Structures are given as C-alpha cells and as structure tokens.
Amino acid sequence: MENVAVIKDVAKVYQKGSAPAVYALRKVSLTIPRGQYIAIMGPSGSGKSTLMNILGCLDRPTSGSYFLAGRDVAQMNDTDLSKARGEHIGFVFQAFNLIPELTVEENVQVPLFYQSVPKLESRQRAHEVLNLVGLGDRLGHRPSELSGGQQQRVAIARALITNPSILLADEPTGNLDSVTGEAILSLFDNLHRKGLTIIMVTHDDSVADRCQRVVRLKDGNIDRDESVDRLRPAADALPLH
C-alpha cells in the first residue's frame, strides 16, 4: 500500500533564552498509508497539536524527517512549504474559521484564490464539494445564516476543494451538540469510504472507535499505536492526488 506520509525520528524542541528546553516531540516515527482513518489521542501536553502542526506543514521539526507525497518537508523553504500545504493538506478545526462577510460559495473558494485557479473552475469545484457535503442549496448564504453543523460542513467543503492528500481534523465536533456531531462524523466516515486519508485529533474514545487506527501520545512519545481491521465498503473514489 502506498504511504501518503512518513515521519521518522521527528523531534520538536522549544528553546527560549536561558529557559529549560521543552521537548514537545521526542523522536516520533509514524507511517500513514493512503486511505487510512487515524485518531490521534493523548492528554494535554502530550504533543498532539505539535504533531498535527508538523503533519500539516504549519511547523517544522527540530530534527528528523517528514516525507509528504514522497518529498522531504523538513528540507523545503517557506515558499515550497506553503505550496505543499496548499496542494496536499486540508484542515478542519473545532472553530469553523469561516469569513463572516463572504458567502458559503466564496468561503469555500478561498484556498483556490491562493492557487490562482480561474474563476469559472473555482466556482465549479465549489459547487461540487458543497453538493458532496449536502449544502448545494446554500451557496449564497453567509455563515451567520447557518447552523453550527452547516458551518462545519462548509469548513469541510473548503478543506476538500483542493483535492488534498490528507484531511487533518482537530476536534471537529467540539463545538457541536451530540446529534449534530454525529452527523459530521458520519460525513467523515463517508469521505473515508470514498478513499480519503483522514487524521483526527480527538479526546473522545467513541470518536476514535470509528477510526481504523488509534495513535496515543504521552510526553512527546507514541505510547500506543493500535490498528483495527475495519473494512471500507466500496464507493466511488474522490479525485485525490
């Protein structure tokens, strides 16, 4: 099976002045096959956010290597790093991070603006991903006119519009009630069935139980890495890298 991401002996150390060094990650190694559904868990301070930031090309490791789609991210300059992030990573956060002044359609198109995608193609792709998440009839609405669950669906559509190699989700149901959260998790399940690689940070064991693999961090190390054989039903493939 093809690996979409590989990190090897990655460490992240924060050092400020003469203060003691803080080891957020300590020689972590992780291989992520394409199409896998992974939960990352651990107590506060275990290194979850640092690992997600490195996987999402938002931060660089202090040492070690990170290969994303076969390229060593640790060796990229800032321009190449930003390009790799835009091409390969989709982000979904606990806070929806939508721009209130823009319509649903315009919010979803924002990542393509930075890739200089022609306007007509951008609109077509926005319509496709909004239909995929069940919001094809809300194109002209603004975030304030949507429920929390609908806003999170817009955020997911925005993450999908670049056809990412990996979807990173950080507590994506944290701001939602249980019924709405279940609907969002069902959407993630469906995206996984279509072949998308998903990495989700969660503190909720019931959320992690939906995943194929659970990586538990403790004190900057991988404490446990457990896989569950969950067969993915056949479905039409997403147009992924």
C-alpha atoms as a PDB file:
ATOM      1  CA  MET A   1       0.000   0.000   0.000  1.00  0.00           C
ATOM      2  CA  GLU A   2       1.270   3.471  -0.890  1.00  0.00           C
ATOM      3  CA  ASN A   3       2.268   5.716   2.006  1.00  0.00           C
ATOM      4  CA  VAL A   4       0.997   9.271   1.762  1.00  0.00           C
ATOM      5  CA  ALA A   5       3.114  10.497   4.678  1.00  0.00           C
ATOM      6  CA  VAL A   6       6.106   9.212   6.653  1.00  0.00           C
ATOM      7  CA  ILE A   7       7.732  10.851   9.648  1.00  0.00           C
ATOM      8  CA  LYS A   8      10.929   9.385  11.034  1.00  0.00           C
ATOM      9  CA  ASP A   9      12.644  10.234  14.316  1.00  0.00           C
ATOM     10  CA  VAL A  10      10.912  13.619  14.417  1.00  0.00           C
ATOM     11  CA  ALA A  11      11.632  15.773  17.436  1.00  0.00           C
ATOM     12  CA  LYS A  12      10.367  19.256  18.244  1.00  0.00           C
ATOM     13  CA  VAL A  13      12.172  21.263  20.882  1.00  0.00           C
ATOM     14  CA  TYR A  14      11.166  24.740  22.042  1.00  0.00           C
ATOM     15  CA  GLN A  15      14.002  26.803  23.486  1.00  0.00           C
ATOM     16  CA  LYS A  16      13.621  30.399  24.631  1.00  0.00           C
ATOM     17  CA  GLY A  17      16.643  32.206  26.005  1.00  0.00           C
ATOM     18  CA  SER A  18      18.143  30.518  29.040  1.00  0.00           C
ATOM     19  CA  ALA A  19      14.905  28.735  29.969  1.00  0.00           C
ATOM     20  CA  PRO A  20      14.997  24.925  30.007  1.00  0.00           C
ATOM     21  CA  ALA A  21      14.246  23.279  26.671  1.00  0.00           C
ATOM     22  CA  VAL A  22      10.729  21.948  26.203  1.00  0.00           C
ATOM     23  CA  TYR A  23      10.536  18.676  24.268  1.00  0.00           C
ATOM     24  CA  ALA A  24       7.120  18.638  22.587  1.00  0.00           C
ATOM     25  CA  LEU A  25       8.004  15.560  20.494  1.00  0.00           C
ATOM     26  CA  ARG A  26      10.819  13.075  21.097  1.00  0.00           C
ATOM     27  CA  LYS A  27      11.937  11.083  18.026  1.00  0.00           C
ATOM     28  CA  VAL A  28       8.456  10.144  16.848  1.00  0.00           C
ATOM     29  CA  SER A  29       8.117   7.843  13.827  1.00  0.00           C
ATOM     30  CA  LEU A  30       4.824   7.307  12.018  1.00  0.00           C
ATOM     31  CA  THR A  31       3.861   5.839   8.644  1.00  0.00           C
ATOM     32  CA  ILE A  32       0.482   6.813   7.167  1.00  0.00           C
ATOM     33  CA  PRO A  33      -0.832   4.669   4.303  1.00  0.00           C
ATOM     34  CA  ARG A  34      -3.087   6.339   1.747  1.00  0.00           C
ATOM     35  CA  GLY A  35      -6.764   5.978   2.611  1.00  0.00           C
ATOM     36  CA  GLN A  36      -6.300   5.276   6.325  1.00  0.00           C
ATOM     37  CA  TYR A  37      -8.549   6.789   9.014  1.00  0.00           C
ATOM     38  CA  ILE A  38      -6.449   7.658  12.080  1.00  0.00           C
ATOM     39  CA  ALA A  39      -7.271   9.105  15.500  1.00  0.00           C
ATOM     40  CA  ILE A  40      -4.564  10.886  17.479  1.00  0.00           C
ATOM     41  CA  MET A  41      -5.197  10.925  21.214  1.00  0.00           C
ATOM     42  CA  GLY A  42      -3.399  11.853  24.408  1.00  0.00           C
ATOM     43  CA  PRO A  43      -3.593  14.105  27.458  1.00  0.00           C
ATOM     44  CA  SER A  44      -2.913  17.829  27.360  1.00  0.00           C
ATOM     45  CA  GLY A  45       0.783  18.432  26.694  1.00  0.00           C
ATOM     46  CA  SER A  46       1.329  15.027  25.112  1.00  0.00           C
ATOM     47  CA  GLY A  47       2.353  16.504  21.742  1.00  0.00           C
ATOM     48  CA  LYS A  48      -0.884  16.090  19.749  1.00  0.00           C
ATOM     49  CA  SER A  49      -1.043  19.671  18.488  1.00  0.00           C
ATOM     50  CA  THR A  50       2.661  19.753  17.684  1.00  0.00           C
ATOM     51  CA  LEU A  51       2.377  16.535  15.695  1.00  0.00           C
ATOM     52  CA  MET A  52      -0.647  17.867  13.806  1.00  0.00           C
ATOM     53  CA  ASN A  53       1.153  21.134  13.039  1.00  0.00           C
ATOM     54  CA  ILE A  54       4.110  19.240  11.613  1.00  0.00           C
ATOM     55  CA  LEU A  55       1.912  16.872   9.604  1.00  0.00           C
ATOM     56  CA  GLY A  56       0.007  19.911   8.290  1.00  0.00           C
ATOM     57  CA  CYS A  57       3.208  21.753   7.282  1.00  0.00           C
ATOM     58  CA  LEU A  58       2.389  24.549   9.734  1.00  0.00           C
ATOM     59  CA  ASP A  59       5.594  23.926  11.673  1.00  0.00           C
ATOM     60  CA  ARG A  60       8.960  22.317  11.066  1.00  0.00           C
ATOM     61  CA  PRO A  61      10.581  19.564  13.123  1.00  0.00           C
ATOM     62  CA  THR A  62      13.729  20.418  15.060  1.00  0.00           C
ATOM     63  CA  SER A  63      15.228  17.151  13.836  1.00  0.00           C
ATOM     64  CA  GLY A  64      14.151  14.106  11.876  1.00  0.00           C
ATOM     65  CA  SER A  65      12.447  13.851   8.504  1.00  0.00           C
ATOM     66  CA  TYR A  66       8.906  14.179   7.198  1.00  0.00           C
ATOM     67  CA  PHE A  67       8.069  12.909   3.738  1.00  0.00           C
ATOM     68  CA  LEU A  68       4.744  14.125   2.332  1.00  0.00           C
ATOM     69  CA  ALA A  69       3.774  12.595  -1.017  1.00  0.00           C
ATOM     70  CA  GLY A  70       7.399  11.493  -1.371  1.00  0.00           C
ATOM     71  CA  ARG A  71       9.019  14.897  -0.679  1.00  0.00           C
ATOM     72  CA  ASP A  72      11.082  15.757   2.407  1.00  0.00           C
ATOM     73  CA  VAL A  73       9.151  18.600   4.002  1.00  0.00           C
ATOM     74  CA  ALA A  74      11.918  19.311   6.500  1.00  0.00           C
ATOM     75  CA  GLN A  75      14.180  20.432   3.646  1.00  0.00           C
ATOM     76  CA  MET A  76      11.677  22.799   1.967  1.00  0.00           C
ATOM     77  CA  ASN A  77      11.959  26.580   2.045  1.00  0.00           C
ATOM     78  CA  ASP A  78       8.959  28.623   3.207  1.00  0.00           C
ATOM     79  CA  THR A  79       7.567  29.059  -0.319  1.00  0.00           C
ATOM     80  CA  ASP A  80       7.734  25.341  -1.107  1.00  0.00           C
ATOM     81  CA  LEU A  81       6.316  24.508   2.318  1.00  0.00           C
ATOM     82  CA  SER A  82       3.318  26.774   1.727  1.00  0.00           C
ATOM     83  CA  LYS A  83       2.782  25.252  -1.715  1.00  0.00           C
ATOM     84  CA  ALA A  84       2.926  21.700  -0.332  1.00  0.00           C
ATOM     85  CA  ARG A  85       0.428  22.638   2.365  1.00  0.00           C
ATOM     86  CA  GLY A  86      -1.961  24.106  -0.202  1.00  0.00           C
ATOM     87  CA  GLU A  87      -1.713  21.120  -2.534  1.00  0.00           C
ATOM     88  CA  HIS A  88      -1.761  18.211  -0.099  1.00  0.00           C
ATOM     89  CA  ILE A  89      -3.393  19.225   3.205  1.00  0.00           C
ATOM     90  CA  GLY A  90      -6.995  20.076   4.053  1.00  0.00           C
ATOM     91  CA  PHE A  91      -7.739  21.474   7.521  1.00  0.00           C
ATOM     92  CA  VAL A  92     -10.910  21.245   9.623  1.00  0.00           C
ATOM     93  CA  PHE A  93     -10.819  22.913  13.040  1.00  0.00           C
ATOM     94  CA  GLN A  94     -13.024  22.943  16.125  1.00  0.00           C
ATOM     95  CA  ALA A  95     -13.759  26.605  15.403  1.00  0.00           C
ATOM     96  CA  PHE A  96     -15.136  26.807  11.888  1.00  0.00           C
ATOM     97  CA  ASN A  97     -12.917  29.782  10.908  1.00  0.00           C
ATOM     98  CA  LEU A  98     -15.279  30.995   8.200  1.00  0.00           C
ATOM     99  CA  ILE A  99     -15.100  34.589   6.937  1.00  0.00           C
ATOM    100  CA  PRO A 100     -18.390  36.210   8.020  1.00  0.00           C
ATOM    101  CA  GLU A 101     -18.518  38.733   5.168  1.00  0.00           C
ATOM    102  CA  LEU A 102     -18.272  36.052   2.471  1.00  0.00           C
ATOM    103  CA  THR A 103     -20.990  33.735   1.193  1.00  0.00           C
ATOM    104  CA  VAL A 104     -20.775  29.974   1.579  1.00  0.00           C
ATOM    105  CA  GLU A 105     -19.595  29.657  -2.016  1.00  0.00           C
ATOM    106  CA  GLU A 106     -16.943  32.348  -1.558  1.00  0.00           C
ATOM    107  CA  ASN A 107     -15.667  30.858   1.720  1.00  0.00           C
ATOM    108  CA  VAL A 108     -15.161  27.503   0.058  1.00  0.00           C
ATOM    109  CA  GLN A 109     -13.296  29.098  -2.857  1.00  0.00           C
ATOM    110  CA  VAL A 110     -10.711  30.866  -0.650  1.00  0.00           C
ATOM    111  CA  PRO A 111      -7.970  28.167  -0.919  1.00  0.00           C
ATOM    112  CA  LEU A 112      -8.212  28.238  -4.726  1.00  0.00           C
ATOM    113  CA  PHE A 113      -7.727  32.006  -4.764  1.00  0.00           C
ATOM    114  CA  TYR A 114      -4.201  31.472  -3.399  1.00  0.00           C
ATOM    115  CA  GLN A 115      -3.564  28.892  -6.128  1.00  0.00           C
ATOM    116  CA  SER A 116      -4.714  31.324  -8.860  1.00  0.00           C
ATOM    117  CA  VAL A 117      -7.364  28.899 -10.121  1.00  0.00           C
ATOM    118  CA  PRO A 118      -9.565  30.513 -12.845  1.00  0.00           C
ATOM    119  CA  LYS A 119     -12.876  31.854 -11.533  1.00  0.00           C
ATOM    120  CA  LEU A 120     -15.111  29.525 -13.559  1.00  0.00           C
ATOM    121  CA  GLU A 121     -13.207  26.404 -12.483  1.00  0.00           C
ATOM    122  CA  SER A 122     -13.190  27.651  -8.887  1.00  0.00           C
ATOM    123  CA  ARG A 123     -16.973  28.037  -8.896  1.00  0.00           C
ATOM    124  CA  GLN A 124     -17.484  24.608 -10.431  1.00  0.00           C
ATOM    125  CA  ARG A 125     -15.282  22.952  -7.837  1.00  0.00           C
ATOM    126  CA  ALA A 126     -17.018  24.850  -5.033  1.00  0.00           C
ATOM    127  CA  HIS A 127     -20.401  23.607  -6.231  1.00  0.00           C
ATOM    128  CA  GLU A 128     -19.087  20.024  -6.402  1.00  0.00           C
ATOM    129  CA  VAL A 129     -17.756  19.924  -2.834  1.00  0.00           C
ATOM    130  CA  LEU A 130     -20.780  21.761  -1.417  1.00  0.00           C
ATOM    131  CA  ASN A 131     -23.060  19.225  -3.061  1.00  0.00           C
ATOM    132  CA  LEU A 132     -20.867  16.486  -1.587  1.00  0.00           C
ATOM    133  CA  VAL A 133     -21.448  17.800   1.958  1.00  0.00           C
ATOM    134  CA  GLY A 134     -25.145  18.439   1.339  1.00  0.00           C
ATOM    135  CA  LEU A 135     -25.079  22.229   1.070  1.00  0.00           C
ATOM    136  CA  GLY A 136     -25.546  22.772  -2.659  1.00  0.00           C
ATOM    137  CA  ASP A 137     -28.658  24.831  -1.885  1.00  0.00           C
ATOM    138  CA  ARG A 138     -26.861  27.268   0.464  1.00  0.00           C
ATOM    139  CA  LEU A 139     -24.378  28.882  -1.953  1.00  0.00           C
ATOM    140  CA  GLY A 140     -25.445  32.464  -1.344  1.00  0.00           C
ATOM    141  CA  HIS A 141     -25.919  32.247   2.421  1.00  0.00           C
ATOM    142  CA  ARG A 142     -23.481  33.782   4.890  1.00  0.00           C
ATOM    143  CA  PRO A 143     -22.123  31.908   7.924  1.00  0.00           C
ATOM    144  CA  SER A 144     -24.429  33.762  10.326  1.00  0.00           C
ATOM    145  CA  GLU A 145     -27.413  32.322   8.448  1.00  0.00           C
ATOM    146  CA  LEU A 146     -26.286  28.724   9.031  1.00  0.00           C
ATOM    147  CA  SER A 147     -26.418  26.351  11.977  1.00  0.00           C
ATOM    148  CA  GLY A 148     -23.209  25.167  13.644  1.00  0.00           C
ATOM    149  CA  GLY A 149     -23.373  21.849  11.820  1.00  0.00           C
ATOM    150  CA  GLN A 150     -23.871  23.580   8.484  1.00  0.00           C
ATOM    151  CA  GLN A 151     -20.915  25.880   9.165  1.00  0.00           C
ATOM    152  CA  GLN A 152     -18.726  22.871   9.899  1.00  0.00           C
ATOM    153  CA  ARG A 153     -19.885  21.295   6.623  1.00  0.00           C
ATOM    154  CA  VAL A 154     -18.800  24.467   4.826  1.00  0.00           C
ATOM    155  CA  ALA A 155     -15.411  24.187   6.561  1.00  0.00           C
ATOM    156  CA  ILE A 156     -15.125  20.561   5.407  1.00  0.00           C
ATOM    157  CA  ALA A 157     -16.041  21.549   1.846  1.00  0.00           C
ATOM    158  CA  ARG A 158     -13.372  24.261   1.959  1.00  0.00           C
ATOM    159  CA  ALA A 159     -10.823  21.660   3.100  1.00  0.00           C
ATOM    160  CA  LEU A 160     -11.806  19.305   0.276  1.00  0.00           C
ATOM    161  CA  ILE A 161     -11.773  21.797  -2.598  1.00  0.00           C
ATOM    162  CA  THR A 162      -8.050  21.391  -3.259  1.00  0.00           C
ATOM    163  CA  ASN A 163      -8.367  17.569  -3.502  1.00  0.00           C
ATOM    164  CA  PRO A 164      -5.983  17.089  -0.568  1.00  0.00           C
ATOM    165  CA  SER A 165      -3.882  14.019   0.070  1.00  0.00           C
ATOM    166  CA  ILE A 166      -4.691  14.252   3.793  1.00  0.00           C
ATOM    167  CA  LEU A 167      -7.596  15.764   5.697  1.00  0.00           C
ATOM    168  CA  LEU A 168      -6.490  16.930   9.168  1.00  0.00           C
ATOM    169  CA  ALA A 169      -9.322  17.433  11.647  1.00  0.00           C
ATOM    170  CA  ASP A 170      -8.711  18.935  15.096  1.00  0.00           C
ATOM    171  CA  GLU A 171     -11.640  18.163  17.437  1.00  0.00           C
ATOM    172  CA  PRO A 172     -14.080  18.854  14.566  1.00  0.00           C
ATOM    173  CA  THR A 173     -17.188  18.178  16.678  1.00  0.00           C
ATOM    174  CA  GLY A 174     -16.003  20.004  19.796  1.00  0.00           C
ATOM    175  CA  ASN A 175     -18.355  22.969  19.294  1.00  0.00           C
ATOM    176  CA  LEU A 176     -21.376  20.901  18.256  1.00  0.00           C
ATOM    177  CA  ASP A 177     -24.175  19.160  20.122  1.00  0.00           C
ATOM    178  CA  SER A 178     -24.186  15.354  20.088  1.00  0.00           C
ATOM    179  CA  VAL A 179     -26.761  14.964  17.308  1.00  0.00           C
ATOM    180  CA  THR A 180     -25.038  17.463  15.006  1.00  0.00           C
ATOM    181  CA  GLY A 181     -21.646  15.997  15.895  1.00  0.00           C
ATOM    182  CA  GLU A 182     -22.845  12.548  14.885  1.00  0.00           C
ATOM    183  CA  ALA A 183     -23.933  13.919  11.502  1.00  0.00           C
ATOM    184  CA  ILE A 184     -20.489  15.449  10.953  1.00  0.00           C
ATOM    185  CA  LEU A 185     -18.750  12.213  11.967  1.00  0.00           C
ATOM    186  CA  SER A 186     -20.968  10.295   9.544  1.00  0.00           C
ATOM    187  CA  LEU A 187     -19.774  12.661   6.830  1.00  0.00           C
ATOM    188  CA  PHE A 188     -16.151  11.866   7.752  1.00  0.00           C
ATOM    189  CA  ASP A 189     -16.997   8.151   7.626  1.00  0.00           C
ATOM    190  CA  ASN A 190     -18.383   8.606   4.128  1.00  0.00           C
ATOM    191  CA  LEU A 191     -15.331  10.566   2.975  1.00  0.00           C
ATOM    192  CA  HIS A 192     -13.133   7.759   4.263  1.00  0.00           C
ATOM    193  CA  ARG A 193     -15.197   5.201   2.344  1.00  0.00           C
ATOM    194  CA  LYS A 194     -14.502   7.234  -0.776  1.00  0.00           C
ATOM    195  CA  GLY A 195     -10.759   6.809  -0.190  1.00  0.00           C
ATOM    196  CA  LEU A 196      -9.706   9.961   1.662  1.00  0.00           C
ATOM    197  CA  THR A 197      -6.883   9.807   4.208  1.00  0.00           C
ATOM    198  CA  ILE A 198      -8.150  11.340   7.463  1.00  0.00           C
ATOM    199  CA  ILE A 199      -6.177  12.162  10.617  1.00  0.00           C
ATOM    200  CA  MET A 200      -8.311  13.359  13.511  1.00  0.00           C
ATOM    201  CA  VAL A 201      -7.256  14.703  16.897  1.00  0.00           C
ATOM    202  CA  THR A 202      -9.860  13.752  19.485  1.00  0.00           C
ATOM    203  CA  HIS A 203     -10.202  13.199  23.228  1.00  0.00           C
ATOM    204  CA  ASP A 204     -13.361  11.151  22.747  1.00  0.00           C
ATOM    205  CA  ASP A 205     -12.999   7.355  22.705  1.00  0.00           C
ATOM    206  CA  SER A 206     -16.326   6.963  20.900  1.00  0.00           C
ATOM    207  CA  VAL A 207     -14.966   9.111  18.051  1.00  0.00           C
ATOM    208  CA  ALA A 208     -11.698   7.169  17.976  1.00  0.00           C
ATOM    209  CA  ASP A 209     -13.676   3.923  17.797  1.00  0.00           C
ATOM    210  CA  ARG A 210     -14.812   4.916  14.292  1.00  0.00           C
ATOM    211  CA  CYS A 211     -11.213   5.003  13.058  1.00  0.00           C
ATOM    212  CA  GLN A 212      -9.030   2.220  11.675  1.00  0.00           C
ATOM    213  CA  ARG A 213      -6.077   3.189  13.816  1.00  0.00           C
ATOM    214  CA  VAL A 214      -5.535   4.992  17.126  1.00  0.00           C
ATOM    215  CA  VAL A 215      -2.190   6.635  17.907  1.00  0.00           C
ATOM    216  CA  ARG A 216      -1.866   7.602  21.579  1.00  0.00           C
ATOM    217  CA  LEU A 217       0.791  10.119  22.604  1.00  0.00           C
ATOM    218  CA  LYS A 218       2.313  10.619  26.046  1.00  0.00           C
ATOM    219  CA  ASP A 219       5.069  13.058  26.992  1.00  0.00           C
ATOM    220  CA  GLY A 220       6.050  13.612  23.364  1.00  0.00           C
ATOM    221  CA  ASN A 221       6.313   9.918  22.533  1.00  0.00           C
ATOM    222  CA  ILE A 222       3.992   7.438  20.858  1.00  0.00           C
ATOM    223  CA  ASP A 223       2.703   5.440  23.803  1.00  0.00           C
ATOM    224  CA  ARG A 224       0.494   3.094  21.750  1.00  0.00           C
ATOM    225  CA  ASP A 225      -0.257   2.624  18.052  1.00  0.00           C
ATOM    226  CA  GLU A 226      -3.223   0.297  17.616  1.00  0.00           C
ATOM    227  CA  SER A 227      -4.851  -0.771  14.355  1.00  0.00           C
ATOM    228  CA  VAL A 228      -8.344  -2.186  13.922  1.00  0.00           C
ATOM    229  CA  ASP A 229      -9.309  -4.092  10.796  1.00  0.00           C
ATOM    230  CA  ARG A 230     -12.284  -2.072   9.591  1.00  0.00           C
ATOM    231  CA  LEU A 231     -13.215  -2.968   6.024  1.00  0.00           C
ATOM    232  CA  ARG A 232     -14.087   0.046   3.899  1.00  0.00           C
ATOM    233  CA  PRO A 233     -17.136  -0.583   1.702  1.00  0.00           C
ATOM    234  CA  ALA A 234     -16.596   0.066  -1.987  1.00  0.00           C
ATOM    235  CA  ALA A 235     -17.529   3.573  -3.133  1.00  0.00           C
ATOM    236  CA  ASP A 236     -16.785   5.986  -5.931  1.00  0.00           C
ATOM    237  CA  ALA A 237     -13.305   7.389  -5.432  1.00  0.00           C
ATOM    238  CA  LEU A 238     -12.701  11.049  -4.714  1.00  0.00           C
ATOM    239  CA  PRO A 239     -10.363  12.824  -7.186  1.00  0.00           C
ATOM    240  CA  LEU A 240      -7.382  12.707  -4.869  1.00  0.00           C
ATOM    241  CA  HIS A 241      -3.681  13.226  -5.556  1.00  0.00           C
END
